[in-house]
Protein backbone atom coordinates (compact mmCIF):
# COMPACT_ATOMS: atom_id res chain seq x y z
CA UNK A 1 -0.11 -0.01 -0.17
CA UNK A 2 1.35 3.32 -1.07
CA UNK A 3 1.90 6.01 1.38
CA UNK A 4 0.78 9.80 0.71
CA UNK A 5 1.82 12.47 2.68
CA UNK A 6 -1.01 15.20 2.41
CA UNK A 7 0.18 18.53 3.82
CA UNK A 8 -2.60 21.20 3.43
CA UNK A 9 -3.79 24.07 5.96
CA UNK A 10 -7.22 24.04 5.04
CA UNK A 11 -9.13 21.17 7.05
CA UNK A 12 -12.23 20.77 4.63
CA UNK A 13 -9.63 20.24 1.62
CA UNK A 14 -7.51 18.28 3.46
CA UNK A 15 -10.29 15.76 4.91
CA UNK A 16 -11.85 15.73 1.56
CA UNK A 17 -8.89 14.56 0.18
CA UNK A 18 -7.63 12.19 2.82
CA UNK A 19 -11.21 10.19 2.34
CA UNK A 20 -10.99 9.96 -1.54
CA UNK A 21 -7.19 8.46 -1.30
CA UNK A 22 -8.26 6.17 1.41
CA UNK A 23 -11.24 5.00 -0.79
CA UNK A 24 -8.38 4.29 -3.38
CA UNK A 25 -6.29 2.23 -0.74
CA UNK A 26 -3.71 4.63 -0.05
CA UNK A 27 -2.21 5.44 3.47
CA UNK A 28 -2.68 8.74 4.11
CA UNK A 29 -0.59 10.81 6.72
CA UNK A 30 -1.28 14.36 7.13
CA UNK A 31 -0.09 17.58 8.30
CA UNK A 32 -1.48 21.20 8.55
CA UNK A 33 1.79 23.35 8.26
CA UNK A 34 5.20 22.94 6.40
CA UNK A 35 6.77 22.10 9.36
CA UNK A 36 4.77 19.12 10.43
CA UNK A 37 4.91 18.02 7.03
CA UNK A 38 8.76 17.72 7.16
CA UNK A 39 8.56 15.98 10.44
CA UNK A 40 5.73 13.65 9.38
CA UNK A 41 7.96 12.79 6.28
CA UNK A 42 11.02 12.20 7.99
CA UNK A 43 9.17 9.95 10.38
CA UNK A 44 6.86 8.09 7.96
CA UNK A 45 8.84 8.13 4.99
CA UNK A 46 5.98 8.46 2.28
CA UNK A 47 6.00 7.48 -1.31
CA UNK A 48 4.46 10.78 -2.77
CA UNK A 49 3.90 14.12 -1.09
CA UNK A 50 0.83 16.65 -1.95
CA UNK A 51 1.90 19.82 -0.83
CA UNK A 52 -0.20 22.99 -0.89
CA UNK A 53 1.79 26.05 -1.96
CA UNK A 54 0.31 28.45 0.66
CA UNK A 55 0.96 27.13 4.00
CA UNK A 56 1.28 28.59 7.18
CA UNK A 57 5.09 29.19 8.55
CA UNK A 58 7.38 27.67 5.57
CA UNK A 59 5.47 27.58 2.57
CA UNK A 60 5.34 24.65 -0.08
CA UNK A 61 8.39 25.61 -2.09
CA UNK A 62 10.32 25.39 1.02
CA UNK A 63 8.77 21.98 2.12
CA UNK A 64 9.29 20.47 -1.62
CA UNK A 65 12.88 21.97 -1.68
CA UNK A 66 13.81 20.08 1.84
CA UNK A 67 12.13 16.99 1.09
CA UNK A 68 13.85 16.65 -2.61
CA UNK A 69 16.99 17.45 -1.05
CA UNK A 70 16.38 14.31 1.58
CA UNK A 71 14.70 11.98 -0.63
CA UNK A 72 15.63 12.24 -4.14
CA UNK A 73 13.04 9.35 -5.28
CA UNK A 74 10.08 11.13 -3.27
CA UNK A 75 7.17 11.97 -5.76
CA UNK A 76 5.88 15.64 -5.12
CA UNK A 77 2.72 17.23 -6.35
CA UNK A 78 2.10 20.70 -5.79
CA UNK A 79 -1.29 22.23 -5.44
CA UNK A 80 -1.50 25.87 -6.73
CA UNK A 81 -4.07 28.38 -7.09
CA UNK A 82 -5.67 29.19 -10.14
CA UNK A 83 -4.02 31.62 -12.43
CA UNK A 84 -0.51 31.43 -10.35
CA UNK A 85 1.43 30.36 -13.14
CA UNK A 86 4.62 31.60 -11.07
CA UNK A 87 3.58 28.90 -8.57
CA UNK A 88 3.61 26.41 -11.27
CA UNK A 89 7.21 27.28 -12.43
CA UNK A 90 8.65 27.93 -9.10
CA UNK A 91 7.42 24.21 -7.81
CA UNK A 92 9.03 22.60 -10.91
CA UNK A 93 12.43 24.48 -10.12
CA UNK A 94 12.15 23.37 -6.46
CA UNK A 95 11.82 19.65 -7.72
CA UNK A 96 8.27 19.10 -7.70
CA UNK A 97 7.28 16.20 -10.34
CA UNK A 98 3.66 17.58 -11.16
CA UNK A 99 1.27 20.64 -10.05
CA UNK A 100 -2.63 20.62 -9.83
CA UNK A 101 -4.60 23.99 -10.01
CA UNK A 102 -7.45 24.40 -7.53
CA UNK A 103 -10.23 23.88 -7.50
CA UNK A 104 -9.70 20.46 -8.50
CA UNK A 105 -11.50 16.91 -8.83
CA UNK A 106 -10.31 14.57 -6.25
CA UNK A 107 -10.07 12.09 -8.87
CA UNK A 108 -7.45 14.13 -10.53
CA UNK A 109 -5.37 14.03 -7.71
CA UNK A 110 -5.77 10.22 -7.49
CA UNK A 111 -4.71 9.77 -11.07
CA UNK A 112 -1.76 12.02 -10.76
CA UNK A 113 -0.55 10.18 -7.86
CA UNK A 114 -0.85 6.72 -9.64
CA UNK A 115 1.01 7.91 -12.69
CA UNK A 116 4.08 9.29 -10.58
CA UNK A 117 3.94 5.94 -8.35
CA UNK A 118 4.10 3.99 -11.65
CA UNK A 119 7.28 6.25 -13.00
CA UNK A 120 9.01 5.45 -9.69
CA UNK A 121 8.18 1.65 -10.03
CA UNK A 122 9.50 1.72 -13.61
CA UNK A 123 12.45 3.58 -12.38
CA UNK A 124 13.10 1.28 -9.73
CA UNK A 125 12.79 -1.80 -12.18
CA UNK A 126 15.28 -0.12 -14.74
CA UNK A 127 17.77 0.21 -11.57
CA UNK A 128 17.61 -3.45 -10.40
CA UNK A 129 20.19 -4.43 -13.01
CA UNK A 130 22.33 -1.74 -12.33
CA UNK A 131 24.71 -1.00 -9.57
CA UNK A 132 25.51 2.74 -8.97
CA UNK A 133 28.32 4.37 -7.18
CA UNK A 134 29.09 7.97 -7.51
CA UNK A 135 29.63 8.65 -11.09
CA UNK A 136 29.66 4.90 -12.28
CA UNK A 137 26.86 2.82 -13.24
CA UNK A 138 27.55 -0.71 -13.98
CA UNK A 139 24.77 -2.26 -16.51
CA UNK A 140 24.73 -5.80 -15.27
CA UNK A 141 22.64 -7.09 -18.14
CA UNK A 142 25.03 -5.56 -20.83
CA UNK A 143 28.15 -6.01 -18.64
CA UNK A 144 29.11 -2.38 -19.56
CA UNK A 145 30.16 0.28 -17.29
CA UNK A 146 29.95 4.09 -17.66
CA UNK A 147 31.28 7.07 -15.92
CA UNK A 148 29.18 10.44 -15.89
CA UNK A 149 27.39 8.66 -18.68
CA UNK A 150 30.47 7.94 -20.93
CA UNK A 151 31.24 4.31 -21.54
CA UNK A 152 34.74 2.91 -20.36
CA UNK A 153 36.30 0.24 -22.39
CA UNK A 154 37.28 -2.45 -20.02
CA UNK A 155 38.52 -6.11 -20.40
CA UNK A 156 36.30 -8.78 -19.10
CA UNK A 157 38.85 -9.15 -15.89
CA UNK A 158 38.64 -5.29 -15.44
CA UNK A 159 34.98 -5.30 -15.55
CA UNK A 160 35.01 -8.13 -12.70
CA UNK A 161 37.30 -6.18 -10.53
CA UNK A 162 35.21 -3.23 -10.59
CA UNK A 163 32.05 -5.18 -10.03
CA UNK A 164 33.79 -6.78 -6.83
CA UNK A 165 34.77 -3.53 -5.67
CA UNK A 166 31.39 -1.68 -6.37
CA UNK A 167 29.56 -4.39 -4.76
CA UNK A 168 31.84 -4.30 -1.52
CA UNK A 169 32.70 -0.51 -1.25
CA UNK A 170 35.22 0.16 1.39
CA UNK A 171 36.05 -3.23 2.02
CA UNK A 172 39.94 -3.95 1.98
CA UNK A 173 40.71 -6.82 -0.51
CA UNK A 174 44.10 -8.83 -0.33
CA UNK A 175 45.41 -9.81 -3.73
CA UNK A 176 44.36 -13.53 -2.86
CA UNK A 177 40.69 -12.27 -2.31
CA UNK A 178 40.73 -10.43 -5.53
CA UNK A 179 42.38 -13.42 -7.61
CA UNK A 180 39.91 -15.90 -6.33
CA UNK A 181 36.82 -13.54 -6.96
CA UNK A 182 38.16 -12.71 -10.45
CA UNK A 183 40.21 -15.43 -11.84
CA UNK A 184 38.85 -18.40 -9.69
CA UNK A 185 40.39 -20.73 -7.12
CA UNK A 186 42.22 -22.86 -9.63
CA UNK A 187 44.23 -19.73 -11.11
CA UNK A 188 47.83 -20.75 -10.17
CA UNK A 189 49.83 -17.74 -12.04
CA UNK A 190 51.53 -14.66 -10.86
CA UNK A 191 49.56 -12.71 -8.18
CA UNK A 192 51.25 -9.76 -9.68
CA UNK A 193 48.60 -9.77 -12.30
CA UNK A 194 46.04 -8.23 -9.80
CA UNK A 195 48.75 -4.98 -9.94
CA UNK A 196 48.81 -4.63 -13.29
CA UNK A 197 45.25 -5.02 -13.81
CA UNK A 198 44.68 -2.33 -11.23
CA UNK A 199 47.33 0.22 -12.94
CA UNK A 200 45.48 -0.35 -15.92
CA UNK A 201 41.90 0.27 -14.21
CA UNK A 202 43.31 3.42 -12.69
CA UNK A 203 44.47 4.83 -16.15
CA UNK A 204 40.85 4.24 -17.54
CA UNK A 205 38.58 5.39 -14.27
CA UNK A 206 40.48 7.77 -12.34
CA UNK A 207 40.70 11.52 -12.93
CA UNK A 208 44.53 11.48 -12.13
CA UNK A 209 45.96 7.68 -12.06
CA UNK A 210 48.99 8.95 -10.14
CA UNK A 211 46.64 10.12 -7.04
CA UNK A 212 43.55 7.77 -7.14
CA UNK A 213 40.47 8.64 -5.63
CA UNK A 214 38.51 5.59 -6.28
CA UNK A 215 40.87 2.65 -6.11
CA UNK A 216 42.97 2.88 -3.04
CA UNK A 217 46.16 1.05 -2.04
CA UNK A 218 45.85 -0.67 1.29
CA UNK A 219 49.53 -1.18 2.36
CA UNK A 220 50.31 -4.80 3.36
CA UNK A 221 46.99 -5.91 2.30
CA UNK A 222 45.81 -5.07 -1.16
CA UNK A 223 43.20 -2.48 -2.50
CA UNK A 224 39.89 -1.08 -1.55
CA UNK A 225 37.11 0.71 -3.44
CA UNK A 226 36.41 4.36 -1.64
CA UNK A 227 32.79 4.90 -1.91
């Protein structure tokens, strides 16, 4: 059951919306001020927030800005007054996903919420086959790695080393652990092959290979990925 945060200071509008949302099987948490809305979001972690622009205390834009900073994947809908086009523009600039003009049909609010939830679900589906760490994205399906959207040309072993690192950020790996993970337990070659591959990887992924930011040397042990 999706959880909806409803922040509206007019009790009649808030109650009417709450009833209609609950009829559509949404769990509703509500607040009458921007400050309380932020507290409720931190406490209950909703899936979608519906924010009135004109709130006592901090306004809906400030609430939107704070929630977007804390929860990048939160769906946010702004309720704006009729004819206030600047409210729509400001809401979108502050990170809102959508806006609805008052007066509105509660069915429209329900449909907009469902549309945002579908987008969130589709985004989550897309990310299930990906590992994301800072500017790096590993596409597990295609076995490609990008940095800031640019594909990095890696050998199969370099790819597996990167995958091992990003799946285990901040873990110090010994050379033997990396050998077993990437080359397998039956590998009996020179363990220095790890150092060779690390040097190649650094030349491909680091901004400055001589002063690596991501693949760090752990003296006496091996290497680790700094998250």
